[in-house]
Amino acid sequence: MAKVKEAKMGIQEQIIESAGQIYNYLSNKGEVSINKMKKDLSLNENFAEMGLGWLSREDKLEYTQKAKSVTVKLR
């Protein structure tokens, strides 16, 4: 049981770390496409998505649908 809790904590820490990387990146870059952000940060796609979700839940992001992509920036 303790190992399961440790594994979950490790994943949550990775999500928080990813959210921090995304926040700092957007703070420096401004509005960018999600695909460019993922490429520039070299985040595992799952953790990139979860990090975006974390920041979205905290109402820190604004999304815009462009012709062929979605962009994101800090609120």
C-alpha atoms as a PDB file:
ATOM      1  CA  MET A   1       0.000   0.000   0.000  1.00  0.00           C
ATOM      2  CA  ALA A   2       2.813   2.437   0.846  1.00  0.00           C
ATOM      3  CA  LYS A   3       4.437   1.851  -2.565  1.00  0.00           C
ATOM      4  CA  VAL A   4       1.222   2.834  -4.357  1.00  0.00           C
ATOM      5  CA  LYS A   5       1.046   6.061  -2.340  1.00  0.00           C
ATOM      6  CA  GLU A   6       4.715   6.816  -3.143  1.00  0.00           C
ATOM      7  CA  ALA A   7       4.122   6.215  -6.857  1.00  0.00           C
ATOM      8  CA  LYS A   8       1.124   8.540  -6.865  1.00  0.00           C
ATOM      9  CA  MET A   9       3.081  11.206  -5.007  1.00  0.00           C
ATOM     10  CA  GLY A  10       5.857  10.935  -7.580  1.00  0.00           C
ATOM     11  CA  ILE A  11       3.402  11.468 -10.400  1.00  0.00           C
ATOM     12  CA  GLN A  12       1.785  14.422  -8.659  1.00  0.00           C
ATOM     13  CA  GLU A  13       5.208  15.984  -8.129  1.00  0.00           C
ATOM     14  CA  GLN A  14       5.949  15.530 -11.849  1.00  0.00           C
ATOM     15  CA  ILE A  15       2.666  17.236 -12.741  1.00  0.00           C
ATOM     16  CA  ILE A  16       3.471  20.154 -10.444  1.00  0.00           C
ATOM     17  CA  GLU A  17       6.985  20.386 -11.909  1.00  0.00           C
ATOM     18  CA  SER A  18       5.555  20.384 -15.441  1.00  0.00           C
ATOM     19  CA  ALA A  19       3.050  23.098 -14.499  1.00  0.00           C
ATOM     20  CA  GLY A  20       5.909  25.210 -13.128  1.00  0.00           C
ATOM     21  CA  GLN A  21       7.951  24.778 -16.296  1.00  0.00           C
ATOM     22  CA  ILE A  22       4.942  25.729 -18.424  1.00  0.00           C
ATOM     23  CA  TYR A  23       4.183  28.777 -16.261  1.00  0.00           C
ATOM     24  CA  ASN A  24       7.776  30.037 -16.445  1.00  0.00           C
ATOM     25  CA  TYR A  25       7.943  29.390 -20.194  1.00  0.00           C
ATOM     26  CA  LEU A  26       4.722  31.330 -20.862  1.00  0.00           C
ATOM     27  CA  SER A  27       5.882  34.109 -18.546  1.00  0.00           C
ATOM     28  CA  ASN A  28       8.917  34.585 -20.796  1.00  0.00           C
ATOM     29  CA  LYS A  29       7.386  33.837 -24.221  1.00  0.00           C
ATOM     30  CA  GLY A  30       3.860  35.209 -24.029  1.00  0.00           C
ATOM     31  CA  GLU A  31       1.286  33.591 -26.311  1.00  0.00           C
ATOM     32  CA  VAL A  32       2.478  30.431 -28.098  1.00  0.00           C
ATOM     33  CA  SER A  33       0.935  27.378 -29.702  1.00  0.00           C
ATOM     34  CA  ILE A  34       0.598  24.382 -27.422  1.00  0.00           C
ATOM     35  CA  ASN A  35       2.577  22.265 -29.904  1.00  0.00           C
ATOM     36  CA  LYS A  36       5.503  24.733 -29.911  1.00  0.00           C
ATOM     37  CA  MET A  37       5.462  24.896 -26.126  1.00  0.00           C
ATOM     38  CA  LYS A  38       5.586  21.089 -25.831  1.00  0.00           C
ATOM     39  CA  LYS A  39       8.442  20.917 -28.339  1.00  0.00           C
ATOM     40  CA  ASP A  40      10.452  23.714 -26.702  1.00  0.00           C
ATOM     41  CA  LEU A  41      10.037  22.272 -23.201  1.00  0.00           C
ATOM     42  CA  SER A  42      10.580  18.631 -24.236  1.00  0.00           C
ATOM     43  CA  LEU A  43       7.887  17.555 -21.797  1.00  0.00           C
ATOM     44  CA  ASN A  44       6.364  14.108 -21.910  1.00  0.00           C
ATOM     45  CA  GLU A  45       3.041  14.700 -23.667  1.00  0.00           C
ATOM     46  CA  ASN A  46       1.009  13.309 -20.757  1.00  0.00           C
ATOM     47  CA  PHE A  47       2.724  15.602 -18.263  1.00  0.00           C
ATOM     48  CA  ALA A  48       2.420  18.590 -20.599  1.00  0.00           C
ATOM     49  CA  GLU A  49      -1.330  18.010 -20.797  1.00  0.00           C
ATOM     50  CA  MET A  50      -1.645  17.451 -17.055  1.00  0.00           C
ATOM     51  CA  GLY A  51       0.454  20.557 -16.327  1.00  0.00           C
ATOM     52  CA  LEU A  52      -1.799  22.629 -18.598  1.00  0.00           C
ATOM     53  CA  GLY A  53      -4.811  21.173 -16.815  1.00  0.00           C
ATOM     54  CA  TRP A  54      -3.339  22.057 -13.427  1.00  0.00           C
ATOM     55  CA  LEU A  55      -2.773  25.667 -14.482  1.00  0.00           C
ATOM     56  CA  SER A  56      -6.199  25.831 -16.134  1.00  0.00           C
ATOM     57  CA  ARG A  57      -7.846  24.633 -12.950  1.00  0.00           C
ATOM     58  CA  GLU A  58      -6.115  27.481 -11.131  1.00  0.00           C
ATOM     59  CA  ASP A  59      -7.491  29.864 -13.820  1.00  0.00           C
ATOM     60  CA  LYS A  60      -4.004  30.959 -14.854  1.00  0.00           C
ATOM     61  CA  LEU A  61      -4.300  30.302 -18.627  1.00  0.00           C
ATOM     62  CA  GLU A  62      -6.178  31.724 -21.569  1.00  0.00           C
ATOM     63  CA  TYR A  63      -6.626  29.632 -24.717  1.00  0.00           C
ATOM     64  CA  THR A  64      -7.307  30.839 -28.267  1.00  0.00           C
ATOM     65  CA  GLN A  65      -8.344  28.662 -31.213  1.00  0.00           C
ATOM     66  CA  LYS A  66      -6.339  29.606 -34.303  1.00  0.00           C
ATOM     67  CA  ALA A  67      -6.846  28.202 -37.815  1.00  0.00           C
ATOM     68  CA  LYS A  68      -4.808  25.035 -37.279  1.00  0.00           C
ATOM     69  CA  SER A  69      -3.709  25.214 -33.658  1.00  0.00           C
ATOM     70  CA  VAL A  70      -4.573  26.302 -30.150  1.00  0.00           C
ATOM     71  CA  THR A  71      -2.479  28.958 -28.461  1.00  0.00           C
ATOM     72  CA  VAL A  72      -2.081  29.537 -24.762  1.00  0.00           C
ATOM     73  CA  LYS A  73      -0.932  32.464 -22.639  1.00  0.00           C
ATOM     74  CA  LEU A  74      -1.007  33.501 -19.012  1.00  0.00           C
ATOM     75  CA  ARG A  75      -4.022  35.477 -17.795  1.00  0.00           C
END
